[in-house]
Amino acid sequence: MGIFSSIWDRIRGHKPEAAPTRPAPQAAPPAGAPAAAAPVDVEAVLVSMAELKGDAAGNWRTSIVDLLKLLGLESSLEARKELAQELGVNAGPHGSAEQNIALSKAVWRKLAENGGLVPDSLRD
């Protein structure tokens, strides 16, 4: 399993405390069609996780290191190199601010591509 898969699994597995208790009405899929997973409000999940960690949450919105730490994942240079390779990020030398910024943006875009609700401000 890749690092991005671990990121996505941690986000999907966390239930924000502010989540509504009443399920939204959904239309039934046609017979034989696979059920679509409900979109995940990525920012709400991460805000909830950050509130649980308090000041230790860091600046996860812009720092790939802080995001990985918030999710309880390895944030070492080696882990970020692996994630960069997995996502095809080739900006700047490994560990540089340029690469870390590009990696953070790539993660937000990939979360959105996989059904995450990610604000435009995090993807740009």
C-alpha atoms as a PDB file:
ATOM      1  CA  MET A   1       0.000   0.000   0.000  1.00  0.00           C
ATOM      2  CA  GLY A   2       1.375   3.423  -0.955  1.00  0.00           C
ATOM      3  CA  ILE A   3       1.671   6.476   1.224  1.00  0.00           C
ATOM      4  CA  PHE A   4      -1.167   8.255  -0.557  1.00  0.00           C
ATOM      5  CA  SER A   5      -3.420   5.254   0.127  1.00  0.00           C
ATOM      6  CA  SER A   6      -2.520   5.538   3.813  1.00  0.00           C
ATOM      7  CA  ILE A   7      -3.362   9.259   3.763  1.00  0.00           C
ATOM      8  CA  TRP A   8      -6.737   8.612   2.134  1.00  0.00           C
ATOM      9  CA  ASP A   9      -7.522   5.684   4.458  1.00  0.00           C
ATOM     10  CA  ARG A  10      -6.807   7.790   7.566  1.00  0.00           C
ATOM     11  CA  ILE A  11      -9.027  10.602   6.303  1.00  0.00           C
ATOM     12  CA  ARG A  12     -11.888   8.296   5.322  1.00  0.00           C
ATOM     13  CA  GLY A  13     -11.651   6.391   8.597  1.00  0.00           C
ATOM     14  CA  HIS A  14     -11.970   9.460  10.842  1.00  0.00           C
ATOM     15  CA  LYS A  15     -15.408  10.729  11.736  1.00  0.00           C
ATOM     16  CA  PRO A  16     -15.483  14.485  12.437  1.00  0.00           C
ATOM     17  CA  GLU A  17     -17.180  15.336  15.707  1.00  0.00           C
ATOM     18  CA  ALA A  18     -19.240  17.980  13.938  1.00  0.00           C
ATOM     19  CA  ALA A  19     -20.633  15.473  11.440  1.00  0.00           C
ATOM     20  CA  PRO A  20     -24.406  15.561  11.069  1.00  0.00           C
ATOM     21  CA  THR A  21     -26.196  12.717  12.832  1.00  0.00           C
ATOM     22  CA  ARG A  22     -28.999  12.520  10.299  1.00  0.00           C
ATOM     23  CA  PRO A  23     -28.069  10.777   7.043  1.00  0.00           C
ATOM     24  CA  ALA A  24     -28.711  12.725   3.864  1.00  0.00           C
ATOM     25  CA  PRO A  25     -31.378  11.254   1.593  1.00  0.00           C
ATOM     26  CA  GLN A  26     -29.889   9.307  -1.288  1.00  0.00           C
ATOM     27  CA  ALA A  27     -31.387   7.920  -4.444  1.00  0.00           C
ATOM     28  CA  ALA A  28     -31.048   4.168  -4.773  1.00  0.00           C
ATOM     29  CA  PRO A  29     -28.557   3.082  -7.448  1.00  0.00           C
ATOM     30  CA  PRO A  30     -29.975   1.042 -10.328  1.00  0.00           C
ATOM     31  CA  ALA A  31     -30.021  -2.700  -9.770  1.00  0.00           C
ATOM     32  CA  GLY A  32     -26.595  -4.210 -10.356  1.00  0.00           C
ATOM     33  CA  ALA A  33     -24.787  -0.842 -10.242  1.00  0.00           C
ATOM     34  CA  PRO A  34     -22.030  -0.433  -7.653  1.00  0.00           C
ATOM     35  CA  ALA A  35     -22.915   1.880  -4.795  1.00  0.00           C
ATOM     36  CA  ALA A  36     -20.979   5.140  -4.968  1.00  0.00           C
ATOM     37  CA  ALA A  37     -19.144   6.144  -1.830  1.00  0.00           C
ATOM     38  CA  ALA A  38     -20.288   9.389  -0.278  1.00  0.00           C
ATOM     39  CA  PRO A  39     -17.834  12.262  -0.748  1.00  0.00           C
ATOM     40  CA  VAL A  40     -15.594  12.966   2.227  1.00  0.00           C
ATOM     41  CA  ASP A  41     -15.277  16.545   3.493  1.00  0.00           C
ATOM     42  CA  VAL A  42     -11.488  16.413   3.808  1.00  0.00           C
ATOM     43  CA  GLU A  43     -11.111  19.806   5.454  1.00  0.00           C
ATOM     44  CA  ALA A  44     -13.767  19.028   8.101  1.00  0.00           C
ATOM     45  CA  VAL A  45     -12.072  15.726   8.927  1.00  0.00           C
ATOM     46  CA  LEU A  46      -8.656  17.358   9.248  1.00  0.00           C
ATOM     47  CA  VAL A  47      -9.995  20.266  11.308  1.00  0.00           C
ATOM     48  CA  SER A  48     -11.565  17.732  13.675  1.00  0.00           C
ATOM     49  CA  MET A  49      -8.287  15.806  13.931  1.00  0.00           C
ATOM     50  CA  ALA A  50      -6.346  19.039  14.489  1.00  0.00           C
ATOM     51  CA  GLU A  51      -8.712  20.102  17.277  1.00  0.00           C
ATOM     52  CA  LEU A  52      -8.000  16.820  19.044  1.00  0.00           C
ATOM     53  CA  LYS A  53      -4.241  17.457  18.822  1.00  0.00           C
ATOM     54  CA  GLY A  54      -4.420  21.151  19.728  1.00  0.00           C
ATOM     55  CA  ASP A  55      -1.247  23.144  19.099  1.00  0.00           C
ATOM     56  CA  ALA A  56       0.607  19.972  18.069  1.00  0.00           C
ATOM     57  CA  ALA A  57      -1.371  19.924  14.794  1.00  0.00           C
ATOM     58  CA  GLY A  58       0.933  22.480  13.155  1.00  0.00           C
ATOM     59  CA  ASN A  59       0.148  24.060   9.798  1.00  0.00           C
ATOM     60  CA  TRP A  60      -1.292  21.037   7.990  1.00  0.00           C
ATOM     61  CA  ARG A  61      -2.992  23.166   5.328  1.00  0.00           C
ATOM     62  CA  THR A  62       0.324  24.149   3.726  1.00  0.00           C
ATOM     63  CA  SER A  63       2.944  21.823   5.237  1.00  0.00           C
ATOM     64  CA  ILE A  64       3.151  18.267   3.939  1.00  0.00           C
ATOM     65  CA  VAL A  65       5.213  17.343   7.019  1.00  0.00           C
ATOM     66  CA  ASP A  66       2.522  18.669   9.381  1.00  0.00           C
ATOM     67  CA  LEU A  67      -0.226  16.960   7.361  1.00  0.00           C
ATOM     68  CA  LEU A  68       1.534  13.598   7.570  1.00  0.00           C
ATOM     69  CA  LYS A  69       2.150  14.071  11.302  1.00  0.00           C
ATOM     70  CA  LEU A  70      -1.495  15.018  11.875  1.00  0.00           C
ATOM     71  CA  LEU A  71      -2.507  11.770  10.199  1.00  0.00           C
ATOM     72  CA  GLY A  72      -0.041   9.775  12.309  1.00  0.00           C
ATOM     73  CA  LEU A  73       2.074   8.872   9.275  1.00  0.00           C
ATOM     74  CA  GLU A  74       5.824   8.912   8.720  1.00  0.00           C
ATOM     75  CA  SER A  75       6.967  12.384   7.608  1.00  0.00           C
ATOM     76  CA  SER A  76      10.680  11.694   7.106  1.00  0.00           C
ATOM     77  CA  LEU A  77      12.557  12.740   3.982  1.00  0.00           C
ATOM     78  CA  GLU A  78      12.471   9.129   2.772  1.00  0.00           C
ATOM     79  CA  ALA A  79       8.676   8.974   3.194  1.00  0.00           C
ATOM     80  CA  ARG A  80       8.282  12.261   1.305  1.00  0.00           C
ATOM     81  CA  LYS A  81      10.583  11.015  -1.471  1.00  0.00           C
ATOM     82  CA  GLU A  82       8.390   7.932  -1.801  1.00  0.00           C
ATOM     83  CA  LEU A  83       5.216  10.031  -1.845  1.00  0.00           C
ATOM     84  CA  ALA A  84       6.733  12.372  -4.452  1.00  0.00           C
ATOM     85  CA  GLN A  85       7.566   9.402  -6.674  1.00  0.00           C
ATOM     86  CA  GLU A  86       4.092   7.927  -6.153  1.00  0.00           C
ATOM     87  CA  LEU A  87       2.404  11.212  -7.170  1.00  0.00           C
ATOM     88  CA  GLY A  88       4.887  12.152  -9.912  1.00  0.00           C
ATOM     89  CA  VAL A  89       6.111  15.309  -8.164  1.00  0.00           C
ATOM     90  CA  ASN A  90       9.493  16.405  -9.546  1.00  0.00           C
ATOM     91  CA  ALA A  91       9.790  19.974  -8.247  1.00  0.00           C
ATOM     92  CA  GLY A  92      13.112  20.987  -6.709  1.00  0.00           C
ATOM     93  CA  PRO A  93      15.535  18.790  -4.788  1.00  0.00           C
ATOM     94  CA  HIS A  94      14.134  16.263  -2.297  1.00  0.00           C
ATOM     95  CA  GLY A  95      13.316  17.941   0.991  1.00  0.00           C
ATOM     96  CA  SER A  96      13.382  21.455  -0.448  1.00  0.00           C
ATOM     97  CA  ALA A  97      10.623  23.946   0.266  1.00  0.00           C
ATOM     98  CA  GLU A  98       9.795  23.910  -3.449  1.00  0.00           C
ATOM     99  CA  GLN A  99       9.246  20.155  -3.460  1.00  0.00           C
ATOM    100  CA  ASN A 100       7.333  20.144  -0.167  1.00  0.00           C
ATOM    101  CA  ILE A 101       4.933  22.819  -1.447  1.00  0.00           C
ATOM    102  CA  ALA A 102       4.418  20.947  -4.734  1.00  0.00           C
ATOM    103  CA  LEU A 103       3.916  17.706  -2.825  1.00  0.00           C
ATOM    104  CA  SER A 104       1.319  19.275  -0.544  1.00  0.00           C
ATOM    105  CA  LYS A 105      -0.635  20.623  -3.525  1.00  0.00           C
ATOM    106  CA  ALA A 106      -0.394  17.257  -5.297  1.00  0.00           C
ATOM    107  CA  VAL A 107      -1.855  15.508  -2.252  1.00  0.00           C
ATOM    108  CA  TRP A 108      -4.807  17.944  -2.108  1.00  0.00           C
ATOM    109  CA  ARG A 109      -5.472  17.461  -5.845  1.00  0.00           C
ATOM    110  CA  LYS A 110      -5.272  13.664  -5.526  1.00  0.00           C
ATOM    111  CA  LEU A 111      -7.656  13.699  -2.554  1.00  0.00           C
ATOM    112  CA  ALA A 112     -10.147  15.665  -4.670  1.00  0.00           C
ATOM    113  CA  GLU A 113      -9.715  13.235  -7.587  1.00  0.00           C
ATOM    114  CA  ASN A 114     -10.533  10.348  -5.248  1.00  0.00           C
ATOM    115  CA  GLY A 115     -13.815  11.771  -3.986  1.00  0.00           C
ATOM    116  CA  GLY A 116     -12.632  14.145  -1.307  1.00  0.00           C
ATOM    117  CA  LEU A 117     -14.278  17.524  -0.955  1.00  0.00           C
ATOM    118  CA  VAL A 118     -11.241  19.821  -0.920  1.00  0.00           C
ATOM    119  CA  PRO A 119     -11.578  23.625  -0.974  1.00  0.00           C
ATOM    120  CA  ASP A 120     -10.034  25.326  -4.003  1.00  0.00           C
ATOM    121  CA  SER A 121      -7.791  27.302  -1.640  1.00  0.00           C
ATOM    122  CA  LEU A 122      -5.977  24.081  -0.691  1.00  0.00           C
ATOM    123  CA  ARG A 123      -5.589  22.804  -4.264  1.00  0.00           C
ATOM    124  CA  ASP A 124      -4.177  26.005  -5.776  1.00  0.00           C
END
